[in-house]
PDB file of all heavy atoms in Angstrom:
ATOM      1  N   LEU A   1      82.992 105.668  61.395  1.00  0.00           N
ATOM      2  CA  LEU A   1      83.092 104.926  60.152  1.00  0.00           C
ATOM      3  C   LEU A   1      84.001 105.747  59.169  1.00  0.00           C
ATOM      4  O   LEU A   1      83.866 106.927  59.117  1.00  0.00           O
ATOM      5  CB  LEU A   1      81.789 104.736  59.456  1.00  0.00           C
ATOM      6  CG  LEU A   1      80.808 103.599  60.111  1.00  0.00           C
ATOM      7  CD1 LEU A   1      79.458 103.620  59.413  1.00  0.00           C
ATOM      8  CD2 LEU A   1      81.476 102.307  60.106  1.00  0.00           C
ATOM      9  N   GLU A   2      84.825 104.951  58.507  1.00  0.00           N
ATOM     10  CA  GLU A   2      85.557 105.666  57.367  1.00  0.00           C
ATOM     11  C   GLU A   2      84.656 105.835  56.113  1.00  0.00           C
ATOM     12  O   GLU A   2      83.628 105.124  56.121  1.00  0.00           O
ATOM     13  CB  GLU A   2      86.744 104.791  56.982  1.00  0.00           C
ATOM     14  CG  GLU A   2      87.812 104.445  58.191  1.00  0.00           C
ATOM     15  CD  GLU A   2      88.445 105.813  58.622  1.00  0.00           C
ATOM     16  OE1 GLU A   2      88.616 106.694  57.688  1.00  0.00           O
ATOM     17  OE2 GLU A   2      88.883 105.809  59.660  1.00  0.00           O
ATOM     18  N   LEU A   3      85.041 106.651  55.210  1.00  0.00           N
ATOM     19  CA  LEU A   3      84.181 106.927  54.083  1.00  0.00           C
ATOM     20  C   LEU A   3      84.045 105.495  53.308  1.00  0.00           C
ATOM     21  O   LEU A   3      82.748 105.292  52.786  1.00  0.00           O
ATOM     22  CB  LEU A   3      84.864 108.017  53.134  1.00  0.00           C
ATOM     23  CG  LEU A   3      84.141 108.199  51.940  1.00  0.00           C
ATOM     24  CD1 LEU A   3      82.739 108.735  52.126  1.00  0.00           C
ATOM     25  CD2 LEU A   3      84.991 109.299  51.088  1.00  0.00           C
ATOM     26  N   LYS A   4      84.929 104.842  53.113  1.00  0.00           N
ATOM     27  CA  LYS A   4      84.894 103.542  52.380  1.00  0.00           C
ATOM     28  C   LYS A   4      83.894 102.658  53.071  1.00  0.00           C
ATOM     29  O   LYS A   4      83.148 101.977  52.358  1.00  0.00           O
ATOM     30  CB  LYS A   4      86.304 102.929  52.296  1.00  0.00           C
ATOM     31  CG  LYS A   4      86.139 101.743  51.380  1.00  0.00           C
ATOM     32  CD  LYS A   4      87.642 101.069  51.263  1.00  0.00           C
ATOM     33  CE  LYS A   4      87.601  99.804  50.478  1.00  0.00           C
ATOM     34  NZ  LYS A   4      89.083  99.177  50.345  1.00  0.00           N
ATOM     35  N   GLN A   5      83.925 102.592  54.338  1.00  0.00           N
ATOM     36  CA  GLN A   5      82.967 101.732  55.071  1.00  0.00           C
ATOM     37  C   GLN A   5      81.538 102.262  54.916  1.00  0.00           C
ATOM     38  O   GLN A   5      80.600 101.456  54.618  1.00  0.00           O
ATOM     39  CB  GLN A   5      83.273 101.793  56.635  1.00  0.00           C
ATOM     40  CG  GLN A   5      84.514 100.999  56.910  1.00  0.00           C
ATOM     41  CD  GLN A   5      84.928 101.089  58.381  1.00  0.00           C
ATOM     42  OE1 GLN A   5      84.934 102.271  58.876  1.00  0.00           O
ATOM     43  NE2 GLN A   5      85.104 100.003  58.942  1.00  0.00           N
ATOM     44  N   VAL A   6      81.369 103.502  54.969  1.00  0.00           N
ATOM     45  CA  VAL A   6      79.986 104.051  54.712  1.00  0.00           C
ATOM     46  C   VAL A   6      79.496 103.693  53.297  1.00  0.00           C
ATOM     47  O   VAL A   6      78.386 103.163  53.051  1.00  0.00           O
ATOM     48  CB  VAL A   6      79.886 105.511  54.996  1.00  0.00           C
ATOM     49  CG1 VAL A   6      78.546 106.095  54.520  1.00  0.00           C
ATOM     50  CG2 VAL A   6      80.292 106.006  56.306  1.00  0.00           C
ATOM     51  N   GLN A   7      80.392 103.943  52.250  1.00  0.00           N
ATOM     52  CA  GLN A   7      80.017 103.563  51.018  1.00  0.00           C
ATOM     53  C   GLN A   7      79.681 102.089  50.774  1.00  0.00           C
ATOM     54  O   GLN A   7      78.692 101.824  49.971  1.00  0.00           O
ATOM     55  CB  GLN A   7      81.145 104.102  50.019  1.00  0.00           C
ATOM     56  CG  GLN A   7      81.255 105.516  49.968  1.00  0.00           C
ATOM     57  CD  GLN A   7      82.540 105.874  49.138  1.00  0.00           C
ATOM     58  OE1 GLN A   7      83.569 105.296  49.057  1.00  0.00           O
ATOM     59  NE2 GLN A   7      82.463 107.044  48.484  1.00  0.00           N
ATOM     60  N   GLU A   8      80.385 101.202  51.429  1.00  0.00           N
ATOM     61  CA  GLU A   8      80.191  99.862  51.293  1.00  0.00           C
ATOM     62  C   GLU A   8      78.827  99.453  51.804  1.00  0.00           C
ATOM     63  O   GLU A   8      78.139  98.593  51.353  1.00  0.00           O
ATOM     64  CB  GLU A   8      81.269  98.985  52.040  1.00  0.00           C
ATOM     65  CG  GLU A   8      82.642  99.005  51.238  1.00  0.00           C
ATOM     66  CD  GLU A   8      83.692  98.428  52.160  1.00  0.00           C
ATOM     67  OE1 GLU A   8      83.538  98.160  53.265  1.00  0.00           O
ATOM     68  OE2 GLU A   8      84.807  98.176  51.530  1.00  0.00           O
ATOM     69  N   LYS A   9      78.534 100.137  52.963  1.00  0.00           N
ATOM     70  CA  LYS A   9      77.170  99.821  53.625  1.00  0.00           C
ATOM     71  C   LYS A   9      76.014 100.378  52.814  1.00  0.00           C
ATOM     72  O   LYS A   9      75.024  99.720  52.862  1.00  0.00           O
ATOM     73  CB  LYS A   9      77.204 100.228  55.069  1.00  0.00           C
ATOM     74  CG  LYS A   9      78.197  99.611  56.019  1.00  0.00           C
ATOM     75  CD  LYS A   9      77.960  98.100  56.165  1.00  0.00           C
ATOM     76  CE  LYS A   9      78.929  97.362  56.875  1.00  0.00           C
ATOM     77  NZ  LYS A   9      78.792  95.812  56.798  1.00  0.00           N
ATOM     78  N   LEU A  10      76.195 101.517  52.242  1.00  0.00           N
ATOM     79  CA  LEU A  10      75.287 102.104  51.325  1.00  0.00           C
ATOM     80  C   LEU A  10      74.880 101.257  50.233  1.00  0.00           C
ATOM     81  O   LEU A  10      73.835 100.964  49.741  1.00  0.00           O
ATOM     82  CB  LEU A  10      75.597 103.535  51.026  1.00  0.00           C
ATOM     83  CG  LEU A  10      75.659 104.638  52.061  1.00  0.00           C
ATOM     84  CD1 LEU A  10      76.015 105.949  51.413  1.00  0.00           C
ATOM     85  CD2 LEU A  10      74.144 104.829  52.556  1.00  0.00           C
ATOM     86  N   HIS A  11      75.991 100.667  49.658  1.00  0.00           N
ATOM     87  CA  HIS A  11      75.921  99.703  48.602  1.00  0.00           C
ATOM     88  C   HIS A  11      75.048  98.530  49.016  1.00  0.00           C
ATOM     89  O   HIS A  11      74.215  97.946  48.183  1.00  0.00           O
ATOM     90  CB  HIS A  11      77.339  99.331  48.079  1.00  0.00           C
ATOM     91  CG  HIS A  11      77.263  98.497  46.868  1.00  0.00           C
ATOM     92  ND1 HIS A  11      77.026  98.788  45.570  1.00  0.00           N
ATOM     93  CD2 HIS A  11      77.565  97.138  46.696  1.00  0.00           C
ATOM     94  CE1 HIS A  11      77.009  97.800  44.806  1.00  0.00           C
ATOM     95  NE2 HIS A  11      77.336  96.797  45.421  1.00  0.00           N
ATOM     96  N   PHE A  12      75.371  98.026  50.140  1.00  0.00           N
ATOM     97  CA  PHE A  12      74.632  96.820  50.674  1.00  0.00           C
ATOM     98  C   PHE A  12      73.179  97.144  50.846  1.00  0.00           C
ATOM     99  O   PHE A  12      72.273  96.293  50.555  1.00  0.00           O
ATOM    100  CB  PHE A  12      75.365  96.392  51.943  1.00  0.00           C
ATOM    101  CG  PHE A  12      74.709  95.213  52.631  1.00  0.00           C
ATOM    102  CD1 PHE A  12      74.937  93.883  52.012  1.00  0.00           C
ATOM    103  CD2 PHE A  12      73.978  95.127  53.606  1.00  0.00           C
ATOM    104  CE1 PHE A  12      74.450  92.775  52.596  1.00  0.00           C
ATOM    105  CE2 PHE A  12      73.405  93.995  54.328  1.00  0.00           C
ATOM    106  CZ  PHE A  12      73.607  92.747  53.745  1.00  0.00           C
ATOM    107  N   ASN A  13      72.927  98.424  51.432  1.00  0.00           N
ATOM    108  CA  ASN A  13      71.623  98.866  51.472  1.00  0.00           C
ATOM    109  C   ASN A  13      70.733  98.789  50.146  1.00  0.00           C
ATOM    110  O   ASN A  13      69.685  98.266  50.070  1.00  0.00           O
ATOM    111  CB  ASN A  13      71.482 100.128  52.064  1.00  0.00           C
ATOM    112  CG  ASN A  13      71.618 100.269  53.546  1.00  0.00           C
ATOM    113  OD1 ASN A  13      71.657  99.254  54.265  1.00  0.00           O
ATOM    114  ND2 ASN A  13      71.777 101.548  54.181  1.00  0.00           N
ATOM    115  N   LYS A  14      71.417  99.401  49.214  1.00  0.00           N
ATOM    116  CA  LYS A  14      70.794  99.433  47.946  1.00  0.00           C
ATOM    117  C   LYS A  14      70.582  98.182  47.123  1.00  0.00           C
ATOM    118  O   LYS A  14      69.536  97.951  46.580  1.00  0.00           O
ATOM    119  CB  LYS A  14      71.802 100.317  47.124  1.00  0.00           C
ATOM    120  CG  LYS A  14      71.218 100.588  45.688  1.00  0.00           C
ATOM    121  CD  LYS A  14      72.224 101.520  44.870  1.00  0.00           C
ATOM    122  CE  LYS A  14      71.649 101.722  43.450  1.00  0.00           C
ATOM    123  NZ  LYS A  14      72.523 102.650  42.655  1.00  0.00           N
ATOM    124  N   ASN A  15      71.560  97.207  47.332  1.00  0.00           N
ATOM    125  CA  ASN A  15      71.473  96.065  46.599  1.00  0.00           C
ATOM    126  C   ASN A  15      70.736  94.797  47.361  1.00  0.00           C
ATOM    127  O   ASN A  15      70.348  93.888  46.659  1.00  0.00           O
ATOM    128  CB  ASN A  15      72.789  95.627  46.071  1.00  0.00           C
ATOM    129  CG  ASN A  15      73.318  96.536  44.989  1.00  0.00           C
ATOM    130  OD1 ASN A  15      73.009  96.447  43.855  1.00  0.00           O
ATOM    131  ND2 ASN A  15      74.212  97.477  45.448  1.00  0.00           N
ATOM    132  N   LYS A  16      70.802  94.850  48.629  1.00  0.00           N
ATOM    133  CA  LYS A  16      70.306  93.769  49.483  1.00  0.00           C
ATOM    134  C   LYS A  16      69.066  94.178  50.305  1.00  0.00           C
ATOM    135  O   LYS A  16      67.961  93.534  50.243  1.00  0.00           O
ATOM    136  CB  LYS A  16      71.360  93.186  50.322  1.00  0.00           C
ATOM    137  CG  LYS A  16      72.605  92.638  49.507  1.00  0.00           C
ATOM    138  CD  LYS A  16      72.215  91.321  48.829  1.00  0.00           C
ATOM    139  CE  LYS A  16      73.450  90.738  48.167  1.00  0.00           C
ATOM    140  NZ  LYS A  16      73.143  89.496  47.582  1.00  0.00           N
ATOM    141  N   ILE A  17      69.277  95.122  51.217  1.00  0.00           N
ATOM    142  CA  ILE A  17      68.253  95.553  52.234  1.00  0.00           C
ATOM    143  C   ILE A  17      66.988  96.009  51.555  1.00  0.00           C
ATOM    144  O   ILE A  17      65.909  95.571  51.820  1.00  0.00           O
ATOM    145  CB  ILE A  17      68.902  96.287  53.301  1.00  0.00           C
ATOM    146  CG1 ILE A  17      69.929  95.578  54.045  1.00  0.00           C
ATOM    147  CG2 ILE A  17      67.902  96.773  54.212  1.00  0.00           C
ATOM    148  CD1 ILE A  17      70.723  96.465  55.038  1.00  0.00           C
ATOM    149  N   ILE A  18      67.227  97.182  50.805  1.00  0.00           N
ATOM    150  CA  ILE A  18      65.965  97.808  50.273  1.00  0.00           C
ATOM    151  C   ILE A  18      65.146  96.988  49.349  1.00  0.00           C
ATOM    152  O   ILE A  18      63.965  96.899  49.481  1.00  0.00           O
ATOM    153  CB  ILE A  18      66.537  99.047  49.553  1.00  0.00           C
ATOM    154  CG1 ILE A  18      67.074 100.037  50.590  1.00  0.00           C
ATOM    155  CG2 ILE A  18      65.324  99.702  48.771  1.00  0.00           C
ATOM    156  CD1 ILE A  18      67.650 101.301  49.959  1.00  0.00           C
ATOM    157  N   PRO A  19      65.839  96.208  48.487  1.00  0.00           N
ATOM    158  CA  PRO A  19      65.051  95.205  47.615  1.00  0.00           C
ATOM    159  C   PRO A  19      64.227  94.219  48.448  1.00  0.00           C
ATOM    160  O   PRO A  19      63.148  93.800  48.225  1.00  0.00           O
ATOM    161  CB  PRO A  19      65.939  94.482  46.792  1.00  0.00           C
ATOM    162  CG  PRO A  19      67.194  95.424  46.627  1.00  0.00           C
ATOM    163  CD  PRO A  19      67.146  96.175  48.000  1.00  0.00           C
ATOM    164  N   ALA A  20      64.839  93.628  49.522  1.00  0.00           N
ATOM    165  CA  ALA A  20      64.234  92.636  50.389  1.00  0.00           C
ATOM    166  C   ALA A  20      63.030  93.302  51.205  1.00  0.00           C
ATOM    167  O   ALA A  20      61.875  92.602  51.256  1.00  0.00           O
ATOM    168  CB  ALA A  20      65.151  92.126  51.400  1.00  0.00           C
ATOM    169  N   LEU A  21      63.192  94.607  51.559  1.00  0.00           N
ATOM    170  CA  LEU A  21      62.065  95.224  52.338  1.00  0.00           C
ATOM    171  C   LEU A  21      60.920  95.526  51.263  1.00  0.00           C
ATOM    172  O   LEU A  21      59.770  95.467  51.646  1.00  0.00           O
ATOM    173  CB  LEU A  21      62.561  96.503  52.882  1.00  0.00           C
ATOM    174  CG  LEU A  21      63.491  96.260  54.112  1.00  0.00           C
ATOM    175  CD1 LEU A  21      64.056  97.697  54.593  1.00  0.00           C
ATOM    176  CD2 LEU A  21      62.851  95.590  55.162  1.00  0.00           C
ATOM    177  N   ARG A  22      61.292  95.902  50.095  1.00  0.00           N
ATOM    178  CA  ARG A  22      60.172  96.171  49.076  1.00  0.00           C
ATOM    179  C   ARG A  22      59.440  94.942  48.658  1.00  0.00           C
ATOM    180  O   ARG A  22      58.252  94.991  48.494  1.00  0.00           O
ATOM    181  CB  ARG A  22      60.829  96.990  47.828  1.00  0.00           C
ATOM    182  CG  ARG A  22      61.400  98.272  48.166  1.00  0.00           C
ATOM    183  CD  ARG A  22      61.547  99.185  46.881  1.00  0.00           C
ATOM    184  NE  ARG A  22      62.153 100.488  47.292  1.00  0.00           N
ATOM    185  CZ  ARG A  22      61.510 101.564  47.852  1.00  0.00           C
ATOM    186  NH1 ARG A  22      60.343 101.413  48.227  1.00  0.00           N
ATOM    187  NH2 ARG A  22      62.338 102.638  48.109  1.00  0.00           N
ATOM    188  N   ASN A  23      60.191  93.778  48.559  1.00  0.00           N
ATOM    189  CA  ASN A  23      59.658  92.616  48.169  1.00  0.00           C
ATOM    190  C   ASN A  23      58.703  92.048  49.310  1.00  0.00           C
ATOM    191  O   ASN A  23      57.582  91.506  49.007  1.00  0.00           O
ATOM    192  CB  ASN A  23      60.653  91.496  48.048  1.00  0.00           C
ATOM    193  CG  ASN A  23      60.158  90.231  47.501  1.00  0.00           C
ATOM    194  OD1 ASN A  23      59.427  90.133  46.524  1.00  0.00           O
ATOM    195  ND2 ASN A  23      60.316  89.085  48.414  1.00  0.00           N
ATOM    196  N   ALA A  24      58.815  92.656  50.587  1.00  0.00           N
ATOM    197  CA  ALA A  24      58.097  92.136  51.710  1.00  0.00           C
ATOM    198  C   ALA A  24      57.025  93.319  51.915  1.00  0.00           C
ATOM    199  O   ALA A  24      56.299  93.211  52.974  1.00  0.00           O
ATOM    200  CB  ALA A  24      58.904  92.058  52.938  1.00  0.00           C
ATOM    201  N   SER A  25      56.798  94.171  50.996  1.00  0.00           N
ATOM    202  CA  SER A  25      55.859  95.353  51.036  1.00  0.00           C
ATOM    203  C   SER A  25      56.124  96.233  52.351  1.00  0.00           C
ATOM    204  O   SER A  25      55.185  96.849  52.817  1.00  0.00           O
ATOM    205  CB  SER A  25      54.576  94.750  51.209  1.00  0.00           C
ATOM    206  OG  SER A  25      54.200  94.037  49.960  1.00  0.00           O
ATOM    207  N   GLU A  26      57.364  96.347  52.817  1.00  0.00           N
ATOM    208  CA  GLU A  26      57.714  97.217  53.847  1.00  0.00           C
ATOM    209  C   GLU A  26      58.300  98.435  53.270  1.00  0.00           C
ATOM    210  O   GLU A  26      59.522  98.858  53.390  1.00  0.00           O
ATOM    211  CB  GLU A  26      58.852  96.573  54.751  1.00  0.00           C
ATOM    212  CG  GLU A  26      58.300  95.279  55.562  1.00  0.00           C
ATOM    213  CD  GLU A  26      57.380  95.663  56.619  1.00  0.00           C
ATOM    214  OE1 GLU A  26      57.234  96.909  56.921  1.00  0.00           O
ATOM    215  OE2 GLU A  26      56.736  94.756  57.185  1.00  0.00           O
ATOM    216  N   THR A  27      57.413  99.207  52.472  1.00  0.00           N
ATOM    217  CA  THR A  27      57.724 100.371  51.669  1.00  0.00           C
ATOM    218  C   THR A  27      58.285 101.521  52.506  1.00  0.00           C
ATOM    219  O   THR A  27      59.261 102.209  52.021  1.00  0.00           O
ATOM    220  CB  THR A  27      56.596 100.815  50.731  1.00  0.00           C
ATOM    221  OG1 THR A  27      56.052  99.673  50.050  1.00  0.00           O
ATOM    222  CG2 THR A  27      57.065 101.880  49.831  1.00  0.00           C
ATOM    223  N   GLU A  28      57.557 101.816  53.572  1.00  0.00           N
ATOM    224  CA  GLU A  28      57.932 103.033  54.436  1.00  0.00           C
ATOM    225  C   GLU A  28      59.421 102.872  54.930  1.00  0.00           C
ATOM    226  O   GLU A  28      60.090 103.768  54.992  1.00  0.00           O
ATOM    227  CB  GLU A  28      56.937 103.119  55.525  1.00  0.00           C
ATOM    228  CG  GLU A  28      57.250 104.376  56.423  1.00  0.00           C
ATOM    229  CD  GLU A  28      56.182 104.531  57.411  1.00  0.00           C
ATOM    230  OE1 GLU A  28      55.181 103.889  57.486  1.00  0.00           O
ATOM    231  OE2 GLU A  28      56.366 105.380  58.351  1.00  0.00           O
ATOM    232  N   LEU A  29      59.731 101.684  55.518  1.00  0.00           N
ATOM    233  CA  LEU A  29      60.938 101.433  56.000  1.00  0.00           C
ATOM    234  C   LEU A  29      61.960 101.333  54.812  1.00  0.00           C
ATOM    235  O   LEU A  29      63.081 101.897  55.039  1.00  0.00           O
ATOM    236  CB  LEU A  29      61.015 100.046  56.711  1.00  0.00           C
ATOM    237  CG  LEU A  29      62.424  99.712  57.480  1.00  0.00           C
ATOM    238  CD1 LEU A  29      62.846 100.764  58.413  1.00  0.00           C
ATOM    239  CD2 LEU A  29      62.211  98.269  58.122  1.00  0.00           C
ATOM    240  N   ALA A  30      61.681 100.773  53.640  1.00  0.00           N
ATOM    241  CA  ALA A  30      62.545 100.900  52.571  1.00  0.00           C
ATOM    242  C   ALA A  30      63.008 102.224  52.074  1.00  0.00           C
ATOM    243  O   ALA A  30      64.182 102.605  51.817  1.00  0.00           O
ATOM    244  CB  ALA A  30      62.019 100.014  51.413  1.00  0.00           C
ATOM    245  N   ASP A  31      61.937 103.069  52.083  1.00  0.00           N
ATOM    246  CA  ASP A  31      62.141 104.586  51.686  1.00  0.00           C
ATOM    247  C   ASP A  31      63.072 105.243  52.660  1.00  0.00           C
ATOM    248  O   ASP A  31      63.973 106.072  52.351  1.00  0.00           O
ATOM    249  CB  ASP A  31      60.770 105.330  51.663  1.00  0.00           C
ATOM    250  CG  ASP A  31      60.009 104.785  50.515  1.00  0.00           C
ATOM    251  OD1 ASP A  31      60.629 104.125  49.564  1.00  0.00           O
ATOM    252  OD2 ASP A  31      58.868 105.089  50.498  1.00  0.00           O
ATOM    253  N   LYS A  32      62.655 105.023  53.994  1.00  0.00           N
ATOM    254  CA  LYS A  32      63.558 105.495  55.121  1.00  0.00           C
ATOM    255  C   LYS A  32      65.120 105.297  54.967  1.00  0.00           C
ATOM    256  O   LYS A  32      65.906 106.090  55.143  1.00  0.00           O
ATOM    257  CB  LYS A  32      63.086 105.128  56.441  1.00  0.00           C
ATOM    258  CG  LYS A  32      63.859 105.628  57.602  1.00  0.00           C
ATOM    259  CD  LYS A  32      63.214 105.142  58.888  1.00  0.00           C
ATOM    260  CE  LYS A  32      63.955 105.708  60.114  1.00  0.00           C
ATOM    261  NZ  LYS A  32      63.325 105.161  61.497  1.00  0.00           N
ATOM    262  N   ILE A  33      65.369 103.945  54.821  1.00  0.00           N
ATOM    263  CA  ILE A  33      66.791 103.439  54.719  1.00  0.00           C
ATOM    264  C   ILE A  33      67.361 103.995  53.411  1.00  0.00           C
ATOM    265  O   ILE A  33      68.608 104.346  53.330  1.00  0.00           O
ATOM    266  CB  ILE A  33      66.850 101.877  54.738  1.00  0.00           C
ATOM    267  CG1 ILE A  33      66.393 101.430  56.249  1.00  0.00           C
ATOM    268  CG2 ILE A  33      68.248 101.402  54.365  1.00  0.00           C
ATOM    269  CD1 ILE A  33      66.314 100.083  56.350  1.00  0.00           C
ATOM    270  N   GLU A  34      66.619 104.068  52.334  1.00  0.00           N
ATOM    271  CA  GLU A  34      67.134 104.560  51.085  1.00  0.00           C
ATOM    272  C   GLU A  34      67.742 106.015  51.139  1.00  0.00           C
ATOM    273  O   GLU A  34      68.618 106.453  50.451  1.00  0.00           O
ATOM    274  CB  GLU A  34      66.023 104.487  50.020  1.00  0.00           C
ATOM    275  CG  GLU A  34      66.452 104.685  48.542  1.00  0.00           C
ATOM    276  CD  GLU A  34      65.349 104.486  47.429  1.00  0.00           C
ATOM    277  OE1 GLU A  34      64.259 104.796  47.893  1.00  0.00           O
ATOM    278  OE2 GLU A  34      65.758 103.946  46.399  1.00  0.00           O
ATOM    279  N   GLN A  35      67.163 106.753  52.015  1.00  0.00           N
ATOM    280  CA  GLN A  35      67.650 108.211  52.262  1.00  0.00           C
ATOM    281  C   GLN A  35      68.891 108.282  53.255  1.00  0.00           C
ATOM    282  O   GLN A  35      69.308 109.421  53.398  1.00  0.00           O
ATOM    283  CB  GLN A  35      66.368 109.118  52.718  1.00  0.00           C
ATOM    284  CG  GLN A  35      65.364 109.149  51.918  1.00  0.00           C
ATOM    285  CD  GLN A  35      65.789 109.653  50.296  1.00  0.00           C
ATOM    286  OE1 GLN A  35      66.520 110.592  50.245  1.00  0.00           O
ATOM    287  NE2 GLN A  35      65.304 108.953  49.338  1.00  0.00           N
ATOM    288  N   CYS A  36      69.167 107.305  53.866  1.00  0.00           N
ATOM    289  CA  CYS A  36      70.226 107.262  54.869  1.00  0.00           C
ATOM    290  C   CYS A  36      71.628 107.652  54.427  1.00  0.00           C
ATOM    291  O   CYS A  36      71.986 106.950  53.342  1.00  0.00           O
ATOM    292  CB  CYS A  36      70.242 105.916  55.666  1.00  0.00           C
ATOM    293  SG  CYS A  36      71.478 105.834  57.021  1.00  0.00           S
ATOM    294  N   GLY A  37      72.223 108.505  54.919  1.00  0.00           N
ATOM    295  CA  GLY A  37      73.581 108.763  54.612  1.00  0.00           C
ATOM    296  C   GLY A  37      73.920 109.197  53.274  1.00  0.00           C
ATOM    297  O   GLY A  37      75.052 108.994  52.918  1.00  0.00           O
ATOM    298  N   LYS A  38      73.006 109.872  52.501  1.00  0.00           N
ATOM    299  CA  LYS A  38      73.283 110.178  51.121  1.00  0.00           C
ATOM    300  C   LYS A  38      74.234 111.306  51.010  1.00  0.00           C
ATOM    301  O   LYS A  38      75.149 111.325  50.089  1.00  0.00           O
ATOM    302  CB  LYS A  38      71.931 110.749  50.497  1.00  0.00           C
ATOM    303  CG  LYS A  38      71.116 109.624  49.975  1.00  0.00           C
ATOM    304  CD  LYS A  38      70.071 110.120  48.928  1.00  0.00           C
ATOM    305  CE  LYS A  38      69.453 108.995  48.261  1.00  0.00           C
ATOM    306  NZ  LYS A  38      68.500 109.423  47.174  1.00  0.00           N
ATOM    307  N   TYR A  39      74.314 112.257  51.931  1.00  0.00           N
ATOM    308  CA  TYR A  39      75.363 113.302  51.903  1.00  0.00           C
ATOM    309  C   TYR A  39      76.320 113.257  53.051  1.00  0.00           C
ATOM    310  O   TYR A  39      76.009 112.833  54.232  1.00  0.00           O
ATOM    311  CB  TYR A  39      74.599 114.643  52.038  1.00  0.00           C
ATOM    312  CG  TYR A  39      73.662 114.895  50.745  1.00  0.00           C
ATOM    313  CD1 TYR A  39      72.414 114.447  50.823  1.00  0.00           C
ATOM    314  CD2 TYR A  39      74.223 115.596  49.738  1.00  0.00           C
ATOM    315  CE1 TYR A  39      71.459 114.721  49.674  1.00  0.00           C
ATOM    316  CE2 TYR A  39      73.453 115.778  48.491  1.00  0.00           C
ATOM    317  CZ  TYR A  39      72.099 115.304  48.462  1.00  0.00           C
ATOM    318  OH  TYR A  39      71.371 115.673  47.429  1.00  0.00           O
TER     319      TYR A  39
END
């Protein structure tokens, strides 16, 4: 992945995937994905 692609997917995680998981009470999985690729 190029850096831009990683950043785009991290943005998608933050704005779409993680909220959907938290709304479904899938907190553990949401926390795991939230830490993905930070550095």
